[in-house]
């Protein structure tokens, strides 16, 4: 039965099986990865998507949209900044700094890749109306300003008021 197969055909069959298994596992992994699902859901933001997204999910939708524009193997948003709208940069940077300060201190933030976003976050705080956050000069003052001004809620209002800055054409 196998006398008609040469070694090249056998190698091709084995490679096809290996590639099939790899693709199946990759698809299975993407289906089980909640971030991948979120990125896929918000890969493209339309006026309808923004309008239909609840306030409690809106900032996450914008962040997922920004992250979906990165290389998933090396997701570095910083190199995308020149390509993003001012609003997207502001919301992403504010979200990033607020979340980084929830899990670490300013010293760790400054040492991390997220520290590169502090200047953009300061601009973002100003843009969304969080003046005390933008003016904060140390960790304690910034934490107090974040607690008082709730910049992530201000981001929701900014997105609702400026949808054109978040829509993918």
C-alpha atoms as a PDB file:
ATOM      1  CA  UNK A   1       0.000   0.000   0.000  1.00  0.00           C
ATOM      2  CA  UNK A   2       2.778   2.472   0.877  1.00  0.00           C
ATOM      3  CA  UNK A   3       5.140   1.426  -1.902  1.00  0.00           C
ATOM      4  CA  UNK A   4       3.844   4.308  -4.116  1.00  0.00           C
ATOM      5  CA  UNK A   5       4.806   6.949  -1.526  1.00  0.00           C
ATOM      6  CA  UNK A   6       8.258   8.429  -1.688  1.00  0.00           C
ATOM      7  CA  UNK A   7       9.993  10.121   1.241  1.00  0.00           C
ATOM      8  CA  UNK A   8       9.045  13.611  -0.011  1.00  0.00           C
ATOM      9  CA  UNK A   9       5.341  12.781   0.041  1.00  0.00           C
ATOM     10  CA  UNK A  10       5.642  11.342   3.517  1.00  0.00           C
ATOM     11  CA  UNK A  11       7.438  14.469   4.767  1.00  0.00           C
ATOM     12  CA  UNK A  12       4.713  16.684   3.240  1.00  0.00           C
ATOM     13  CA  UNK A  13       1.985  14.665   4.978  1.00  0.00           C
ATOM     14  CA  UNK A  14       3.767  14.871   8.330  1.00  0.00           C
ATOM     15  CA  UNK A  15       4.269  18.642   7.920  1.00  0.00           C
ATOM     16  CA  UNK A  16       0.605  19.117   7.002  1.00  0.00           C
ATOM     17  CA  UNK A  17      -0.459  17.240  10.140  1.00  0.00           C
ATOM     18  CA  UNK A  18       1.918  19.291  12.335  1.00  0.00           C
ATOM     19  CA  UNK A  19       0.691  22.574  10.833  1.00  0.00           C
ATOM     20  CA  UNK A  20      -2.923  21.475  11.318  1.00  0.00           C
ATOM     21  CA  UNK A  21      -2.305  20.670  14.976  1.00  0.00           C
ATOM     22  CA  UNK A  22      -0.516  23.994  15.490  1.00  0.00           C
ATOM     23  CA  UNK A  23      -3.350  26.003  13.894  1.00  0.00           C
ATOM     24  CA  UNK A  24      -5.955  24.116  15.922  1.00  0.00           C
ATOM     25  CA  UNK A  25      -4.125  24.879  19.172  1.00  0.00           C
ATOM     26  CA  UNK A  26      -3.651  28.523  18.206  1.00  0.00           C
ATOM     27  CA  UNK A  27      -7.367  28.888  17.472  1.00  0.00           C
ATOM     28  CA  UNK A  28      -8.240  27.153  20.745  1.00  0.00           C
ATOM     29  CA  UNK A  29      -5.888  29.454  22.670  1.00  0.00           C
ATOM     30  CA  UNK A  30      -7.399  32.585  21.106  1.00  0.00           C
ATOM     31  CA  UNK A  31     -10.897  31.428  21.986  1.00  0.00           C
ATOM     32  CA  UNK A  32      -9.898  30.902  25.619  1.00  0.00           C
ATOM     33  CA  UNK A  33      -7.973  34.204  25.915  1.00  0.00           C
ATOM     34  CA  UNK A  34     -10.361  36.876  27.227  1.00  0.00           C
ATOM     35  CA  UNK A  35      -8.051  39.672  26.086  1.00  0.00           C
ATOM     36  CA  UNK A  36      -7.988  38.309  22.551  1.00  0.00           C
ATOM     37  CA  UNK A  37     -11.787  38.271  22.557  1.00  0.00           C
ATOM     38  CA  UNK A  38     -11.886  41.843  23.871  1.00  0.00           C
ATOM     39  CA  UNK A  39      -9.373  43.016  21.252  1.00  0.00           C
ATOM     40  CA  UNK A  40     -11.369  41.310  18.529  1.00  0.00           C
ATOM     41  CA  UNK A  41     -14.653  42.798  19.771  1.00  0.00           C
ATOM     42  CA  UNK A  42     -13.285  46.349  19.807  1.00  0.00           C
ATOM     43  CA  UNK A  43     -10.740  46.108  16.976  1.00  0.00           C
ATOM     44  CA  UNK A  44     -12.834  48.609  15.030  1.00  0.00           C
ATOM     45  CA  UNK A  45     -14.798  51.321  16.780  1.00  0.00           C
ATOM     46  CA  UNK A  46     -17.747  52.726  14.882  1.00  0.00           C
ATOM     47  CA  UNK A  47     -20.211  55.391  16.019  1.00  0.00           C
ATOM     48  CA  UNK A  48     -22.703  52.585  16.637  1.00  0.00           C
ATOM     49  CA  UNK A  49     -20.234  50.564  18.715  1.00  0.00           C
ATOM     50  CA  UNK A  50     -19.377  53.574  20.869  1.00  0.00           C
ATOM     51  CA  UNK A  51     -23.040  54.450  21.358  1.00  0.00           C
ATOM     52  CA  UNK A  52     -23.947  50.865  22.279  1.00  0.00           C
ATOM     53  CA  UNK A  53     -21.061  50.383  24.723  1.00  0.00           C
ATOM     54  CA  UNK A  54     -22.112  50.956  28.343  1.00  0.00           C
ATOM     55  CA  UNK A  55     -20.274  53.680  30.268  1.00  0.00           C
ATOM     56  CA  UNK A  56     -18.694  51.101  32.565  1.00  0.00           C
ATOM     57  CA  UNK A  57     -17.097  49.368  29.562  1.00  0.00           C
ATOM     58  CA  UNK A  58     -16.276  52.395  27.397  1.00  0.00           C
ATOM     59  CA  UNK A  59     -12.713  53.108  28.559  1.00  0.00           C
ATOM     60  CA  UNK A  60     -11.872  49.381  28.316  1.00  0.00           C
ATOM     61  CA  UNK A  61     -13.258  49.397  24.772  1.00  0.00           C
ATOM     62  CA  UNK A  62     -10.957  52.267  23.773  1.00  0.00           C
ATOM     63  CA  UNK A  63      -7.963  50.605  25.465  1.00  0.00           C
ATOM     64  CA  UNK A  64      -8.751  47.294  23.739  1.00  0.00           C
ATOM     65  CA  UNK A  65      -9.051  49.154  20.423  1.00  0.00           C
ATOM     66  CA  UNK A  66      -5.610  50.697  20.932  1.00  0.00           C
ATOM     67  CA  UNK A  67      -4.097  47.369  22.002  1.00  0.00           C
ATOM     68  CA  UNK A  68      -5.634  45.624  18.982  1.00  0.00           C
ATOM     69  CA  UNK A  69      -3.482  47.892  16.814  1.00  0.00           C
ATOM     70  CA  UNK A  70      -0.266  46.471  18.295  1.00  0.00           C
ATOM     71  CA  UNK A  71       1.684  43.343  17.456  1.00  0.00           C
ATOM     72  CA  UNK A  72       0.276  40.761  19.889  1.00  0.00           C
ATOM     73  CA  UNK A  73       3.677  39.113  20.240  1.00  0.00           C
ATOM     74  CA  UNK A  74       5.228  42.414  21.383  1.00  0.00           C
ATOM     75  CA  UNK A  75       2.406  44.785  22.331  1.00  0.00           C
ATOM     76  CA  UNK A  76       4.120  48.162  22.653  1.00  0.00           C
ATOM     77  CA  UNK A  77       1.649  51.029  22.341  1.00  0.00           C
ATOM     78  CA  UNK A  78       4.330  53.702  22.739  1.00  0.00           C
ATOM     79  CA  UNK A  79       5.466  53.467  19.117  1.00  0.00           C
ATOM     80  CA  UNK A  80       1.830  53.915  17.985  1.00  0.00           C
ATOM     81  CA  UNK A  81       1.382  57.332  19.638  1.00  0.00           C
ATOM     82  CA  UNK A  82       2.141  59.333  16.468  1.00  0.00           C
ATOM     83  CA  UNK A  83      -0.534  57.334  14.627  1.00  0.00           C
ATOM     84  CA  UNK A  84      -3.288  57.757  17.225  1.00  0.00           C
ATOM     85  CA  UNK A  85      -5.689  60.625  17.768  1.00  0.00           C
ATOM     86  CA  UNK A  86      -5.020  62.979  20.649  1.00  0.00           C
ATOM     87  CA  UNK A  87      -8.083  61.590  22.442  1.00  0.00           C
ATOM     88  CA  UNK A  88      -6.978  57.971  22.114  1.00  0.00           C
ATOM     89  CA  UNK A  89      -3.514  58.812  23.466  1.00  0.00           C
ATOM     90  CA  UNK A  90      -5.060  60.743  26.351  1.00  0.00           C
ATOM     91  CA  UNK A  91      -7.536  58.038  27.368  1.00  0.00           C
ATOM     92  CA  UNK A  92      -5.015  55.201  27.004  1.00  0.00           C
ATOM     93  CA  UNK A  93      -2.332  57.077  28.972  1.00  0.00           C
ATOM     94  CA  UNK A  94      -4.706  58.122  31.762  1.00  0.00           C
ATOM     95  CA  UNK A  95      -6.052  54.562  32.018  1.00  0.00           C
ATOM     96  CA  UNK A  96      -2.528  53.097  32.071  1.00  0.00           C
ATOM     97  CA  UNK A  97      -1.165  55.412  34.761  1.00  0.00           C
ATOM     98  CA  UNK A  98      -4.266  55.037  36.958  1.00  0.00           C
ATOM     99  CA  UNK A  99      -4.057  51.251  36.748  1.00  0.00           C
ATOM    100  CA  UNK A 100      -0.294  51.136  37.274  1.00  0.00           C
ATOM    101  CA  UNK A 101      -0.660  53.216  40.435  1.00  0.00           C
ATOM    102  CA  UNK A 102      -3.316  50.787  41.693  1.00  0.00           C
ATOM    103  CA  UNK A 103      -0.786  47.946  41.672  1.00  0.00           C
ATOM    104  CA  UNK A 104       2.547  49.655  42.338  1.00  0.00           C
ATOM    105  CA  UNK A 105       4.214  52.813  43.522  1.00  0.00           C
ATOM    106  CA  UNK A 106       5.626  55.715  41.547  1.00  0.00           C
ATOM    107  CA  UNK A 107       9.197  54.460  41.809  1.00  0.00           C
ATOM    108  CA  UNK A 108       8.246  51.146  40.194  1.00  0.00           C
ATOM    109  CA  UNK A 109       6.158  52.981  37.602  1.00  0.00           C
ATOM    110  CA  UNK A 110       9.109  55.169  36.638  1.00  0.00           C
ATOM    111  CA  UNK A 111      11.297  52.077  36.177  1.00  0.00           C
ATOM    112  CA  UNK A 112       8.703  50.278  34.065  1.00  0.00           C
ATOM    113  CA  UNK A 113       7.918  50.761  30.363  1.00  0.00           C
ATOM    114  CA  UNK A 114       4.689  52.459  31.457  1.00  0.00           C
ATOM    115  CA  UNK A 115       6.732  55.342  32.877  1.00  0.00           C
ATOM    116  CA  UNK A 116       7.153  56.591  29.307  1.00  0.00           C
ATOM    117  CA  UNK A 117       3.452  57.480  29.359  1.00  0.00           C
ATOM    118  CA  UNK A 118       3.585  59.898  32.321  1.00  0.00           C
ATOM    119  CA  UNK A 119       3.943  62.979  30.129  1.00  0.00           C
ATOM    120  CA  UNK A 120       1.147  61.817  27.823  1.00  0.00           C
ATOM    121  CA  UNK A 121      -0.994  61.092  30.892  1.00  0.00           C
ATOM    122  CA  UNK A 122      -0.397  64.607  32.240  1.00  0.00           C
ATOM    123  CA  UNK A 123      -1.602  65.979  28.897  1.00  0.00           C
ATOM    124  CA  UNK A 124      -4.500  63.534  29.032  1.00  0.00           C
ATOM    125  CA  UNK A 125      -5.477  64.602  32.531  1.00  0.00           C
ATOM    126  CA  UNK A 126      -5.595  68.203  31.300  1.00  0.00           C
ATOM    127  CA  UNK A 127      -7.582  67.293  28.209  1.00  0.00           C
ATOM    128  CA  UNK A 128     -10.295  65.431  30.118  1.00  0.00           C
ATOM    129  CA  UNK A 129     -10.580  68.093  32.827  1.00  0.00           C
ATOM    130  CA  UNK A 130      -8.625  66.484  35.676  1.00  0.00           C
ATOM    131  CA  UNK A 131      -6.605  69.594  36.495  1.00  0.00           C
ATOM    132  CA  UNK A 132      -5.417  68.418  39.919  1.00  0.00           C
ATOM    133  CA  UNK A 133      -4.134  65.151  38.415  1.00  0.00           C
ATOM    134  CA  UNK A 134      -2.303  67.074  35.700  1.00  0.00           C
ATOM    135  CA  UNK A 135      -0.733  69.410  38.265  1.00  0.00           C
ATOM    136  CA  UNK A 136       0.297  66.684  40.729  1.00  0.00           C
ATOM    137  CA  UNK A 137       4.018  66.715  41.358  1.00  0.00           C
ATOM    138  CA  UNK A 138       4.449  63.652  43.541  1.00  0.00           C
ATOM    139  CA  UNK A 139       2.879  60.243  44.080  1.00  0.00           C
ATOM    140  CA  UNK A 140       0.804  61.214  47.119  1.00  0.00           C
ATOM    141  CA  UNK A 141      -0.665  64.270  45.433  1.00  0.00           C
ATOM    142  CA  UNK A 142      -1.423  62.282  42.284  1.00  0.00           C
ATOM    143  CA  UNK A 143      -3.117  59.479  44.234  1.00  0.00           C
ATOM    144  CA  UNK A 144      -5.230  62.041  46.127  1.00  0.00           C
ATOM    145  CA  UNK A 145      -6.119  63.825  42.894  1.00  0.00           C
ATOM    146  CA  UNK A 146      -7.109  60.545  41.210  1.00  0.00           C
ATOM    147  CA  UNK A 147      -9.348  59.683  44.167  1.00  0.00           C
ATOM    148  CA  UNK A 148     -10.951  63.138  44.120  1.00  0.00           C
ATOM    149  CA  UNK A 149     -11.333  63.710  40.366  1.00  0.00           C
ATOM    150  CA  UNK A 150     -12.024  60.155  39.164  1.00  0.00           C
ATOM    151  CA  UNK A 151     -10.240  60.619  35.815  1.00  0.00           C
ATOM    152  CA  UNK A 152     -11.551  57.355  34.358  1.00  0.00           C
ATOM    153  CA  UNK A 153     -15.099  58.694  34.723  1.00  0.00           C
ATOM    154  CA  UNK A 154     -13.945  61.911  33.100  1.00  0.00           C
ATOM    155  CA  UNK A 155     -12.556  59.775  30.250  1.00  0.00           C
ATOM    156  CA  UNK A 156     -16.041  58.343  29.682  1.00  0.00           C
ATOM    157  CA  UNK A 157     -17.501  61.850  29.414  1.00  0.00           C
ATOM    158  CA  UNK A 158     -14.683  62.897  27.076  1.00  0.00           C
ATOM    159  CA  UNK A 159     -15.250  59.897  24.802  1.00  0.00           C
ATOM    160  CA  UNK A 160     -19.010  60.563  24.701  1.00  0.00           C
ATOM    161  CA  UNK A 161     -18.411  64.249  23.899  1.00  0.00           C
ATOM    162  CA  UNK A 162     -15.726  63.579  21.253  1.00  0.00           C
ATOM    163  CA  UNK A 163     -16.605  60.296  19.518  1.00  0.00           C
ATOM    164  CA  UNK A 164     -14.870  61.329  16.299  1.00  0.00           C
ATOM    165  CA  UNK A 165     -11.500  60.956  18.063  1.00  0.00           C
ATOM    166  CA  UNK A 166     -12.180  57.278  18.750  1.00  0.00           C
ATOM    167  CA  UNK A 167     -13.845  56.073  15.570  1.00  0.00           C
ATOM    168  CA  UNK A 168     -11.924  53.936  13.092  1.00  0.00           C
ATOM    169  CA  UNK A 169     -12.555  55.036   9.543  1.00  0.00           C
END
